[in-house]
PDB file of all heavy atoms in Angstrom:
ATOM      1  N   LYS A   1     188.813 107.073  56.939  1.00  0.00           N
ATOM      2  CA  LYS A   1     190.109 106.425  56.795  1.00  0.00           C
ATOM      3  C   LYS A   1     190.976 107.214  55.824  1.00  0.00           C
ATOM      4  O   LYS A   1     190.558 107.553  54.717  1.00  0.00           O
ATOM      5  CB  LYS A   1     189.938 105.002  56.293  1.00  0.00           C
ATOM      6  CG  LYS A   1     189.334 104.039  57.296  1.00  0.00           C
ATOM      7  CD  LYS A   1     190.273 103.800  58.485  1.00  0.00           C
ATOM      8  CE  LYS A   1     191.466 102.953  58.137  1.00  0.00           C
ATOM      9  NZ  LYS A   1     192.324 102.685  59.337  1.00  0.00           N
ATOM     10  N   ALA A   2     192.207 107.488  56.239  1.00  0.00           N
ATOM     11  CA  ALA A   2     193.070 108.386  55.473  1.00  0.00           C
ATOM     12  C   ALA A   2     193.413 107.827  54.088  1.00  0.00           C
ATOM     13  O   ALA A   2     193.387 108.554  53.094  1.00  0.00           O
ATOM     14  CB  ALA A   2     194.354 108.669  56.263  1.00  0.00           C
ATOM     15  N   ARG A   3     193.737 106.559  53.990  1.00  0.00           N
ATOM     16  CA  ARG A   3     194.244 106.017  52.723  1.00  0.00           C
ATOM     17  C   ARG A   3     193.143 105.643  51.737  1.00  0.00           C
ATOM     18  O   ARG A   3     193.380 105.593  50.529  1.00  0.00           O
ATOM     19  CB  ARG A   3     195.105 104.776  52.978  1.00  0.00           C
ATOM     20  CG  ARG A   3     196.251 104.967  53.931  1.00  0.00           C
ATOM     21  CD  ARG A   3     197.333 105.871  53.411  1.00  0.00           C
ATOM     22  NE  ARG A   3     197.977 105.394  52.183  1.00  0.00           N
ATOM     23  CZ  ARG A   3     199.007 105.993  51.593  1.00  0.00           C
ATOM     24  NH1 ARG A   3     199.504 107.116  52.117  1.00  0.00           N
ATOM     25  NH2 ARG A   3     199.527 105.520  50.490  1.00  0.00           N
ATOM     26  N   THR A   4     191.929 105.381  52.255  1.00  0.00           N
ATOM     27  CA  THR A   4     190.873 104.858  51.380  1.00  0.00           C
ATOM     28  C   THR A   4     189.685 105.794  51.212  1.00  0.00           C
ATOM     29  O   THR A   4     188.929 105.665  50.249  1.00  0.00           O
ATOM     30  CB  THR A   4     190.343 103.517  51.913  1.00  0.00           C
ATOM     31  OG1 THR A   4     189.699 103.745  53.184  1.00  0.00           O
ATOM     32  CG2 THR A   4     191.480 102.519  52.091  1.00  0.00           C
ATOM     33  N   GLY A   5     189.473 106.711  52.170  1.00  0.00           N
ATOM     34  CA  GLY A   5     188.292 107.562  52.121  1.00  0.00           C
ATOM     35  C   GLY A   5     187.058 106.894  52.689  1.00  0.00           C
ATOM     36  O   GLY A   5     185.969 107.484  52.680  1.00  0.00           O
ATOM     37  N   GLU A   6     187.216 105.679  53.216  1.00  0.00           N
ATOM     38  CA  GLU A   6     186.080 104.955  53.795  1.00  0.00           C
ATOM     39  C   GLU A   6     185.606 105.646  55.072  1.00  0.00           C
ATOM     40  O   GLU A   6     186.410 106.030  55.920  1.00  0.00           O
ATOM     41  CB  GLU A   6     186.505 103.517  54.120  1.00  0.00           C
ATOM     42  CG  GLU A   6     185.463 102.718  54.891  1.00  0.00           C
ATOM     43  CD  GLU A   6     186.045 101.461  55.520  1.00  0.00           C
ATOM     44  OE1 GLU A   6     187.245 101.190  55.325  1.00  0.00           O
ATOM     45  OE2 GLU A   6     185.277 100.760  56.210  1.00  0.00           O
ATOM     46  N   GLU A   7     184.292 105.819  55.199  1.00  0.00           N
ATOM     47  CA  GLU A   7     183.727 106.384  56.422  1.00  0.00           C
ATOM     48  C   GLU A   7     183.643 105.303  57.495  1.00  0.00           C
ATOM     49  O   GLU A   7     183.018 104.269  57.290  1.00  0.00           O
ATOM     50  CB  GLU A   7     182.339 106.961  56.159  1.00  0.00           C
ATOM     51  CG  GLU A   7     182.355 108.284  55.424  1.00  0.00           C
ATOM     52  CD  GLU A   7     181.001 108.971  55.450  1.00  0.00           C
ATOM     53  OE1 GLU A   7     180.110 108.495  56.178  1.00  0.00           O
ATOM     54  OE2 GLU A   7     180.842 109.977  54.739  1.00  0.00           O
ATOM     55  N   LEU A   8     184.263 105.575  58.614  1.00  0.00           N
ATOM     56  CA  LEU A   8     184.176 104.647  59.737  1.00  0.00           C
ATOM     57  C   LEU A   8     182.867 104.838  60.488  1.00  0.00           C
ATOM     58  O   LEU A   8     182.196 103.878  60.838  1.00  0.00           O
ATOM     59  CB  LEU A   8     185.358 104.852  60.682  1.00  0.00           C
ATOM     60  CG  LEU A   8     186.742 104.534  60.110  1.00  0.00           C
ATOM     61  CD1 LEU A   8     187.824 104.869  61.126  1.00  0.00           C
ATOM     62  CD2 LEU A   8     186.820 103.067  59.714  1.00  0.00           C
ATOM     63  N   TRP A   9     182.525 106.111  60.754  1.00  0.00           N
ATOM     64  CA  TRP A   9     181.283 106.464  61.429  1.00  0.00           C
ATOM     65  C   TRP A   9     181.111 107.971  61.400  1.00  0.00           C
ATOM     66  O   TRP A   9     182.032 108.710  61.049  1.00  0.00           O
ATOM     67  CB  TRP A   9     181.234 105.946  62.869  1.00  0.00           C
ATOM     68  CG  TRP A   9     182.465 106.179  63.687  1.00  0.00           C
ATOM     69  CD1 TRP A   9     183.471 105.288  63.937  1.00  0.00           C
ATOM     70  CD2 TRP A   9     182.855 107.384  64.373  1.00  0.00           C
ATOM     71  NE1 TRP A   9     184.445 105.852  64.717  1.00  0.00           N
ATOM     72  CE2 TRP A   9     184.098 107.139  65.000  1.00  0.00           C
ATOM     73  CE3 TRP A   9     182.268 108.633  64.515  1.00  0.00           C
ATOM     74  CZ2 TRP A   9     184.763 108.105  65.764  1.00  0.00           C
ATOM     75  CZ3 TRP A   9     182.924 109.605  65.266  1.00  0.00           C
ATOM     76  CH2 TRP A   9     184.159 109.332  65.874  1.00  0.00           C
ATOM     77  N   ALA A  10     179.908 108.405  61.761  1.00  0.00           N
ATOM     78  CA  ALA A  10     179.608 109.832  61.876  1.00  0.00           C
ATOM     79  C   ALA A  10     178.725 110.037  63.103  1.00  0.00           C
ATOM     80  O   ALA A  10     177.936 109.162  63.462  1.00  0.00           O
ATOM     81  CB  ALA A  10     178.899 110.343  60.622  1.00  0.00           C
ATOM     82  N   THR A  11     178.881 111.189  63.755  1.00  0.00           N
ATOM     83  CA  THR A  11     178.044 111.506  64.908  1.00  0.00           C
ATOM     84  C   THR A  11     177.557 112.947  64.820  1.00  0.00           C
ATOM     85  O   THR A  11     178.303 113.835  64.396  1.00  0.00           O
ATOM     86  CB  THR A  11     178.794 111.284  66.240  1.00  0.00           C
ATOM     87  OG1 THR A  11     177.928 111.638  67.326  1.00  0.00           O
ATOM     88  CG2 THR A  11     180.057 112.125  66.318  1.00  0.00           C
ATOM     89  N   THR A  12     176.318 113.148  65.211  1.00  0.00           N
ATOM     90  CA  THR A  12     175.745 114.499  65.256  1.00  0.00           C
ATOM     91  C   THR A  12     175.841 115.085  66.662  1.00  0.00           C
ATOM     92  O   THR A  12     175.426 116.223  66.886  1.00  0.00           O
ATOM     93  CB  THR A  12     174.268 114.468  64.829  1.00  0.00           C
ATOM     94  OG1 THR A  12     173.547 113.597  65.719  1.00  0.00           O
ATOM     95  CG2 THR A  12     174.124 113.965  63.401  1.00  0.00           C
ATOM     96  N   LYS A  13     176.379 114.318  67.604  1.00  0.00           N
ATOM     97  CA  LYS A  13     176.389 114.734  69.004  1.00  0.00           C
ATOM     98  C   LYS A  13     177.638 115.519  69.389  1.00  0.00           C
ATOM     99  O   LYS A  13     177.742 116.011  70.514  1.00  0.00           O
ATOM    100  CB  LYS A  13     176.236 113.508  69.907  1.00  0.00           C
ATOM    101  CG  LYS A  13     174.885 112.822  69.753  1.00  0.00           C
ATOM    102  CD  LYS A  13     174.738 111.642  70.694  1.00  0.00           C
ATOM    103  CE  LYS A  13     173.366 110.989  70.543  1.00  0.00           C
ATOM    104  NZ  LYS A  13     173.207 109.824  71.449  1.00  0.00           N
ATOM    105  N   PHE A  14     178.591 115.635  68.471  1.00  0.00           N
ATOM    106  CA  PHE A  14     179.799 116.428  68.720  1.00  0.00           C
ATOM    107  C   PHE A  14     179.780 117.606  67.763  1.00  0.00           C
ATOM    108  O   PHE A  14     179.789 117.436  66.552  1.00  0.00           O
ATOM    109  CB  PHE A  14     181.049 115.572  68.492  1.00  0.00           C
ATOM    110  CG  PHE A  14     182.344 116.296  68.783  1.00  0.00           C
ATOM    111  CD1 PHE A  14     182.880 116.305  70.055  1.00  0.00           C
ATOM    112  CD2 PHE A  14     183.035 116.961  67.771  1.00  0.00           C
ATOM    113  CE1 PHE A  14     184.084 116.958  70.324  1.00  0.00           C
ATOM    114  CE2 PHE A  14     184.223 117.613  68.032  1.00  0.00           C
ATOM    115  CZ  PHE A  14     184.755 117.613  69.312  1.00  0.00           C
ATOM    116  N   LYS A  15     179.744 118.827  68.319  1.00  0.00           N
ATOM    117  CA  LYS A  15     179.645 120.028  67.504  1.00  0.00           C
ATOM    118  C   LYS A  15     180.956 120.811  67.545  1.00  0.00           C
ATOM    119  O   LYS A  15     181.599 120.909  68.584  1.00  0.00           O
ATOM    120  CB  LYS A  15     178.506 120.919  68.000  1.00  0.00           C
ATOM    121  CG  LYS A  15     177.132 120.256  67.937  1.00  0.00           C
ATOM    122  CD  LYS A  15     176.701 119.978  66.498  1.00  0.00           C
ATOM    123  CE  LYS A  15     175.292 119.407  66.451  1.00  0.00           C
ATOM    124  NZ  LYS A  15     174.868 119.101  65.060  1.00  0.00           N
ATOM    125  N   GLY A  16     181.321 121.404  66.427  1.00  0.00           N
ATOM    126  CA  GLY A  16     182.560 122.154  66.346  1.00  0.00           C
ATOM    127  C   GLY A  16     183.668 121.298  65.776  1.00  0.00           C
ATOM    128  O   GLY A  16     183.435 120.188  65.278  1.00  0.00           O
ATOM    129  N   VAL A  17     184.900 121.817  65.819  1.00  0.00           N
ATOM    130  CA  VAL A  17     186.041 121.073  65.298  1.00  0.00           C
ATOM    131  C   VAL A  17     186.824 120.484  66.466  1.00  0.00           C
ATOM    132  O   VAL A  17     186.657 120.884  67.622  1.00  0.00           O
ATOM    133  CB  VAL A  17     186.948 121.970  64.429  1.00  0.00           C
ATOM    134  CG1 VAL A  17     186.142 122.607  63.306  1.00  0.00           C
ATOM    135  CG2 VAL A  17     187.626 123.052  65.264  1.00  0.00           C
ATOM    136  N   VAL A  18     187.665 119.513  66.165  1.00  0.00           N
ATOM    137  CA  VAL A  18     188.431 118.834  67.207  1.00  0.00           C
ATOM    138  C   VAL A  18     189.590 119.729  67.645  1.00  0.00           C
ATOM    139  O   VAL A  18     190.427 120.131  66.838  1.00  0.00           O
ATOM    140  CB  VAL A  18     188.967 117.479  66.708  1.00  0.00           C
ATOM    141  CG1 VAL A  18     189.802 116.817  67.800  1.00  0.00           C
ATOM    142  CG2 VAL A  18     187.814 116.568  66.301  1.00  0.00           C
ATOM    143  N   GLY A  19     189.644 120.021  68.958  1.00  0.00           N
ATOM    144  CA  GLY A  19     190.740 120.814  69.499  1.00  0.00           C
ATOM    145  C   GLY A  19     191.925 119.959  69.886  1.00  0.00           C
ATOM    146  O   GLY A  19     193.073 120.301  69.634  1.00  0.00           O
ATOM    147  N   ASP A  20     191.659 118.820  70.477  1.00  0.00           N
ATOM    148  CA  ASP A  20     192.694 117.856  70.839  1.00  0.00           C
ATOM    149  C   ASP A  20     192.000 116.543  71.167  1.00  0.00           C
ATOM    150  O   ASP A  20     190.763 116.480  71.279  1.00  0.00           O
ATOM    151  CB  ASP A  20     193.514 118.352  72.034  1.00  0.00           C
ATOM    152  CG  ASP A  20     194.796 117.553  72.233  1.00  0.00           C
ATOM    153  OD1 ASP A  20     195.339 117.042  71.224  1.00  0.00           O
ATOM    154  OD2 ASP A  20     195.259 117.409  73.377  1.00  0.00           O
ATOM    155  N   TYR A  21     192.804 115.500  71.339  1.00  0.00           N
ATOM    156  CA  TYR A  21     192.225 114.189  71.658  1.00  0.00           C
ATOM    157  C   TYR A  21     193.216 113.387  72.479  1.00  0.00           C
ATOM    158  O   TYR A  21     194.417 113.688  72.548  1.00  0.00           O
ATOM    159  CB  TYR A  21     191.868 113.423  70.382  1.00  0.00           C
ATOM    160  CG  TYR A  21     193.062 112.761  69.705  1.00  0.00           C
ATOM    161  CD1 TYR A  21     193.374 111.422  69.929  1.00  0.00           C
ATOM    162  CD2 TYR A  21     193.879 113.475  68.840  1.00  0.00           C
ATOM    163  CE1 TYR A  21     194.462 110.825  69.316  1.00  0.00           C
ATOM    164  CE2 TYR A  21     194.959 112.888  68.219  1.00  0.00           C
ATOM    165  CZ  TYR A  21     195.250 111.554  68.466  1.00  0.00           C
ATOM    166  OH  TYR A  21     196.337 110.966  67.859  1.00  0.00           O
ATOM    167  N   ALA A  22     192.697 112.356  73.120  1.00  0.00           N
ATOM    168  CA  ALA A  22     193.523 111.358  73.796  1.00  0.00           C
ATOM    169  C   ALA A  22     192.918 109.997  73.506  1.00  0.00           C
ATOM    170  O   ALA A  22     191.696 109.855  73.376  1.00  0.00           O
ATOM    171  CB  ALA A  22     193.580 111.616  75.300  1.00  0.00           C
ATOM    172  N   TYR A  23     193.770 108.999  73.401  1.00  0.00           N
ATOM    173  CA  TYR A  23     193.347 107.634  73.096  1.00  0.00           C
ATOM    174  C   TYR A  23     193.478 106.812  74.368  1.00  0.00           C
ATOM    175  O   TYR A  23     194.579 106.637  74.884  1.00  0.00           O
ATOM    176  CB  TYR A  23     194.227 107.070  71.978  1.00  0.00           C
ATOM    177  CG  TYR A  23     193.620 105.917  71.209  1.00  0.00           C
ATOM    178  CD1 TYR A  23     192.587 106.140  70.298  1.00  0.00           C
ATOM    179  CD2 TYR A  23     194.085 104.625  71.384  1.00  0.00           C
ATOM    180  CE1 TYR A  23     192.039 105.094  69.576  1.00  0.00           C
ATOM    181  CE2 TYR A  23     193.537 103.565  70.660  1.00  0.00           C
ATOM    182  CZ  TYR A  23     192.513 103.809  69.763  1.00  0.00           C
ATOM    183  OH  TYR A  23     191.966 102.770  69.044  1.00  0.00           O
ATOM    184  N   ALA A  24     192.366 106.334  74.895  1.00  0.00           N
ATOM    185  CA  ALA A  24     192.373 105.573  76.148  1.00  0.00           C
ATOM    186  C   ALA A  24     192.801 104.128  75.889  1.00  0.00           C
ATOM    187  O   ALA A  24     192.773 103.635  74.756  1.00  0.00           O
ATOM    188  CB  ALA A  24     190.990 105.604  76.788  1.00  0.00           C
ATOM    189  N   ASP A  25     193.194 103.435  76.959  1.00  0.00           N
ATOM    190  CA  ASP A  25     193.686 102.061  76.835  1.00  0.00           C
ATOM    191  C   ASP A  25     192.647 101.117  76.262  1.00  0.00           C
ATOM    192  O   ASP A  25     192.988 100.112  75.628  1.00  0.00           O
ATOM    193  CB  ASP A  25     194.153 101.549  78.211  1.00  0.00           C
ATOM    194  CG  ASP A  25     195.437 102.228  78.671  1.00  0.00           C
ATOM    195  OD1 ASP A  25     196.148 102.784  77.814  1.00  0.00           O
ATOM    196  OD2 ASP A  25     195.718 102.209  79.888  1.00  0.00           O
ATOM    197  N   ASP A  26     191.361 101.395  76.503  1.00  0.00           N
ATOM    198  CA  ASP A  26     190.308 100.508  76.003  1.00  0.00           C
ATOM    199  C   ASP A  26     189.952 100.803  74.542  1.00  0.00           C
ATOM    200  O   ASP A  26     189.052 100.188  73.979  1.00  0.00           O
ATOM    201  CB  ASP A  26     189.058 100.623  76.876  1.00  0.00           C
ATOM    202  CG  ASP A  26     188.385 101.992  76.774  1.00  0.00           C
ATOM    203  OD1 ASP A  26     189.020 102.927  76.230  1.00  0.00           O
ATOM    204  OD2 ASP A  26     187.231 102.123  77.222  1.00  0.00           O
ATOM    205  N   GLY A  27     190.655 101.762  73.942  1.00  0.00           N
ATOM    206  CA  GLY A  27     190.391 102.079  72.537  1.00  0.00           C
ATOM    207  C   GLY A  27     189.390 103.190  72.336  1.00  0.00           C
ATOM    208  O   GLY A  27     189.133 103.585  71.198  1.00  0.00           O
ATOM    209  N   SER A  28     188.820 103.714  73.413  1.00  0.00           N
ATOM    210  CA  SER A  28     187.890 104.834  73.253  1.00  0.00           C
ATOM    211  C   SER A  28     188.683 106.124  73.035  1.00  0.00           C
ATOM    212  O   SER A  28     189.880 106.200  73.301  1.00  0.00           O
ATOM    213  CB  SER A  28     186.986 104.964  74.476  1.00  0.00           C
ATOM    214  OG  SER A  28     187.746 105.188  75.650  1.00  0.00           O
ATOM    215  N   LEU A  29     187.985 107.130  72.533  1.00  0.00           N
ATOM    216  CA  LEU A  29     188.611 108.379  72.138  1.00  0.00           C
ATOM    217  C   LEU A  29     188.025 109.512  72.965  1.00  0.00           C
ATOM    218  O   LEU A  29     186.808 109.630  73.088  1.00  0.00           O
ATOM    219  CB  LEU A  29     188.336 108.617  70.649  1.00  0.00           C
ATOM    220  CG  LEU A  29     189.280 109.504  69.844  1.00  0.00           C
ATOM    221  CD1 LEU A  29     190.696 108.939  69.840  1.00  0.00           C
ATOM    222  CD2 LEU A  29     188.766 109.632  68.414  1.00  0.00           C
ATOM    223  N   ILE A  30     188.878 110.335  73.556  1.00  0.00           N
ATOM    224  CA  ILE A  30     188.429 111.524  74.272  1.00  0.00           C
ATOM    225  C   ILE A  30     188.668 112.721  73.353  1.00  0.00           C
ATOM    226  O   ILE A  30     189.804 112.957  72.928  1.00  0.00           O
ATOM    227  CB  ILE A  30     189.201 111.736  75.590  1.00  0.00           C
ATOM    228  CG1 ILE A  30     189.277 110.426  76.395  1.00  0.00           C
ATOM    229  CG2 ILE A  30     188.550 112.851  76.396  1.00  0.00           C
ATOM    230  CD1 ILE A  30     187.963 109.864  76.811  1.00  0.00           C
ATOM    231  N   LEU A  31     187.618 113.474  73.038  1.00  0.00           N
ATOM    232  CA  LEU A  31     187.724 114.613  72.132  1.00  0.00           C
ATOM    233  C   LEU A  31     187.265 115.884  72.832  1.00  0.00           C
ATOM    234  O   LEU A  31     186.287 115.872  73.571  1.00  0.00           O
ATOM    235  CB  LEU A  31     186.848 114.415  70.885  1.00  0.00           C
ATOM    236  CG  LEU A  31     187.140 113.236  69.959  1.00  0.00           C
ATOM    237  CD1 LEU A  31     186.094 113.198  68.839  1.00  0.00           C
ATOM    238  CD2 LEU A  31     188.526 113.324  69.376  1.00  0.00           C
ATOM    239  N   ILE A  32     187.968 116.988  72.569  1.00  0.00           N
ATOM    240  CA  ILE A  32     187.515 118.290  73.025  1.00  0.00           C
ATOM    241  C   ILE A  32     187.226 119.141  71.791  1.00  0.00           C
ATOM    242  O   ILE A  32     187.950 119.050  70.785  1.00  0.00           O
ATOM    243  CB  ILE A  32     188.561 118.976  73.932  1.00  0.00           C
ATOM    244  CG1 ILE A  32     188.030 120.323  74.450  1.00  0.00           C
ATOM    245  CG2 ILE A  32     189.890 119.151  73.226  1.00  0.00           C
ATOM    246  CD1 ILE A  32     188.964 121.003  75.434  1.00  0.00           C
ATOM    247  N   ASN A  33     186.146 119.917  71.837  1.00  0.00           N
ATOM    248  CA  ASN A  33     185.794 120.727  70.662  1.00  0.00           C
ATOM    249  C   ASN A  33     186.324 122.143  70.800  1.00  0.00           C
ATOM    250  O   ASN A  33     186.740 122.579  71.867  1.00  0.00           O
ATOM    251  CB  ASN A  33     184.279 120.737  70.438  1.00  0.00           C
ATOM    252  CG  ASN A  33     183.537 121.607  71.437  1.00  0.00           C
ATOM    253  OD1 ASN A  33     184.035 121.939  72.503  1.00  0.00           O
ATOM    254  ND2 ASN A  33     182.313 121.974  71.102  1.00  0.00           N
ATOM    255  N   MET A  34     186.315 122.862  69.687  1.00  0.00           N
ATOM    256  CA  MET A  34     186.703 124.274  69.668  1.00  0.00           C
ATOM    257  C   MET A  34     186.079 124.913  68.438  1.00  0.00           C
ATOM    258  O   MET A  34     185.604 124.219  67.526  1.00  0.00           O
ATOM    259  CB  MET A  34     188.223 124.430  69.626  1.00  0.00           C
ATOM    260  CG  MET A  34     188.880 123.871  68.379  1.00  0.00           C
ATOM    261  SD  MET A  34     190.675 124.142  68.300  1.00  0.00           S
ATOM    262  CE  MET A  34     190.727 125.895  67.901  1.00  0.00           C
ATOM    263  N   LYS A  35     186.059 126.242  68.420  1.00  0.00           N
ATOM    264  CA  LYS A  35     185.565 126.952  67.255  1.00  0.00           C
ATOM    265  C   LYS A  35     186.665 127.039  66.205  1.00  0.00           C
ATOM    266  O   LYS A  35     187.828 127.246  66.547  1.00  0.00           O
ATOM    267  CB  LYS A  35     185.125 128.364  67.631  1.00  0.00           C
ATOM    268  CG  LYS A  35     183.911 128.425  68.545  1.00  0.00           C
ATOM    269  CD  LYS A  35     183.557 129.873  68.869  1.00  0.00           C
ATOM    270  CE  LYS A  35     182.347 129.950  69.784  1.00  0.00           C
ATOM    271  NZ  LYS A  35     182.003 131.357  70.117  1.00  0.00           N
ATOM    272  N   PRO A  36     186.320 126.885  64.914  1.00  0.00           N
ATOM    273  CA  PRO A  36     187.323 127.092  63.874  1.00  0.00           C
ATOM    274  C   PRO A  36     187.666 128.566  63.745  1.00  0.00           C
ATOM    275  O   PRO A  36     186.932 129.435  64.218  1.00  0.00           O
ATOM    276  CB  PRO A  36     186.631 126.564  62.613  1.00  0.00           C
ATOM    277  CG  PRO A  36     185.182 126.751  62.880  1.00  0.00           C
ATOM    278  CD  PRO A  36     184.998 126.526  64.355  1.00  0.00           C
ATOM    279  N   SER A  37     188.775 128.861  63.068  1.00  0.00           N
ATOM    280  CA  SER A  37     189.184 130.262  62.886  1.00  0.00           C
ATOM    281  C   SER A  37     188.148 131.022  62.070  1.00  0.00           C
ATOM    282  O   SER A  37     187.806 132.161  62.358  1.00  0.00           O
ATOM    283  CB  SER A  37     190.544 130.324  62.198  1.00  0.00           C
ATOM    284  OG  SER A  37     191.521 129.694  62.991  1.00  0.00           O
ATOM    285  N   LEU A  38     187.663 130.386  60.999  1.00  0.00           N
ATOM    286  CA  LEU A  38     186.647 131.003  60.148  1.00  0.00           C
ATOM    287  C   LEU A  38     185.311 130.393  60.497  1.00  0.00           C
ATOM    288  O   LEU A  38     184.884 129.412  59.901  1.00  0.00           O
ATOM    289  CB  LEU A  38     186.980 130.760  58.663  1.00  0.00           C
ATOM    290  CG  LEU A  38     188.337 131.278  58.185  1.00  0.00           C
ATOM    291  CD1 LEU A  38     188.597 130.847  56.745  1.00  0.00           C
ATOM    292  CD2 LEU A  38     188.392 132.799  58.287  1.00  0.00           C
ATOM    293  N   ILE A  39     184.646 130.977  61.479  1.00  0.00           N
ATOM    294  CA  ILE A  39     183.438 130.322  61.984  1.00  0.00           C
ATOM    295  C   ILE A  39     182.264 130.471  61.022  1.00  0.00           C
ATOM    296  O   ILE A  39     181.413 129.611  60.916  1.00  0.00           O
ATOM    297  CB  ILE A  39     183.079 130.835  63.392  1.00  0.00           C
ATOM    298  CG1 ILE A  39     182.045 129.909  64.030  1.00  0.00           C
ATOM    299  CG2 ILE A  39     182.613 132.278  63.358  1.00  0.00           C
ATOM    300  CD1 ILE A  39     181.898 130.101  65.506  1.00  0.00           C
ATOM    301  N   GLY A  40     182.220 131.579  60.255  1.00  0.00           N
ATOM    302  CA  GLY A  40     181.166 131.741  59.254  1.00  0.00           C
ATOM    303  C   GLY A  40     179.791 131.484  59.819  1.00  0.00           C
ATOM    304  O   GLY A  40     179.448 131.905  60.920  1.00  0.00           O
ATOM    305  N   SER A  41     178.999 130.755  59.066  1.00  0.00           N
ATOM    306  CA  SER A  41     177.641 130.451  59.505  1.00  0.00           C
ATOM    307  C   SER A  41     177.578 129.114  60.236  1.00  0.00           C
ATOM    308  O   SER A  41     176.529 128.699  60.711  1.00  0.00           O
ATOM    309  CB  SER A  41     176.707 130.395  58.289  1.00  0.00           C
ATOM    310  OG  SER A  41     177.141 129.400  57.382  1.00  0.00           O
ATOM    311  N   LEU A  42     178.720 128.425  60.326  1.00  0.00           N
ATOM    312  CA  LEU A  42     178.723 127.113  60.961  1.00  0.00           C
ATOM    313  C   LEU A  42     178.794 127.226  62.477  1.00  0.00           C
ATOM    314  O   LEU A  42     179.300 128.192  63.033  1.00  0.00           O
ATOM    315  CB  LEU A  42     179.929 126.294  60.477  1.00  0.00           C
ATOM    316  CG  LEU A  42     179.978 125.949  58.986  1.00  0.00           C
ATOM    317  CD1 LEU A  42     181.203 125.108  58.698  1.00  0.00           C
ATOM    318  CD2 LEU A  42     178.723 125.217  58.551  1.00  0.00           C
ATOM    319  N   PHE A  43     178.309 126.200  63.134  1.00  0.00           N
ATOM    320  CA  PHE A  43     178.499 126.022  64.565  1.00  0.00           C
ATOM    321  C   PHE A  43     177.974 127.193  65.400  1.00  0.00           C
ATOM    322  O   PHE A  43     178.585 127.600  66.386  1.00  0.00           O
ATOM    323  CB  PHE A  43     179.983 125.792  64.875  1.00  0.00           C
ATOM    324  CG  PHE A  43     180.624 124.766  63.987  1.00  0.00           C
ATOM    325  CD1 PHE A  43     181.752 125.072  63.250  1.00  0.00           C
ATOM    326  CD2 PHE A  43     180.093 123.490  63.884  1.00  0.00           C
ATOM    327  CE1 PHE A  43     182.345 124.137  62.423  1.00  0.00           C
ATOM    328  CE2 PHE A  43     180.681 122.540  63.052  1.00  0.00           C
ATOM    329  CZ  PHE A  43     181.811 122.869  62.333  1.00  0.00           C
TER     330      PHE A  43
END
């Protein structure tokens, strides 16, 4: 949460950074992943 820092949830099943998203009518979230510019040792 942006204003409080509260964690809503975490998932290990999505790897990489968020490239874009869409919010469906039922409240679910569609996310696409991408590599960050500085990939380093991550991902």
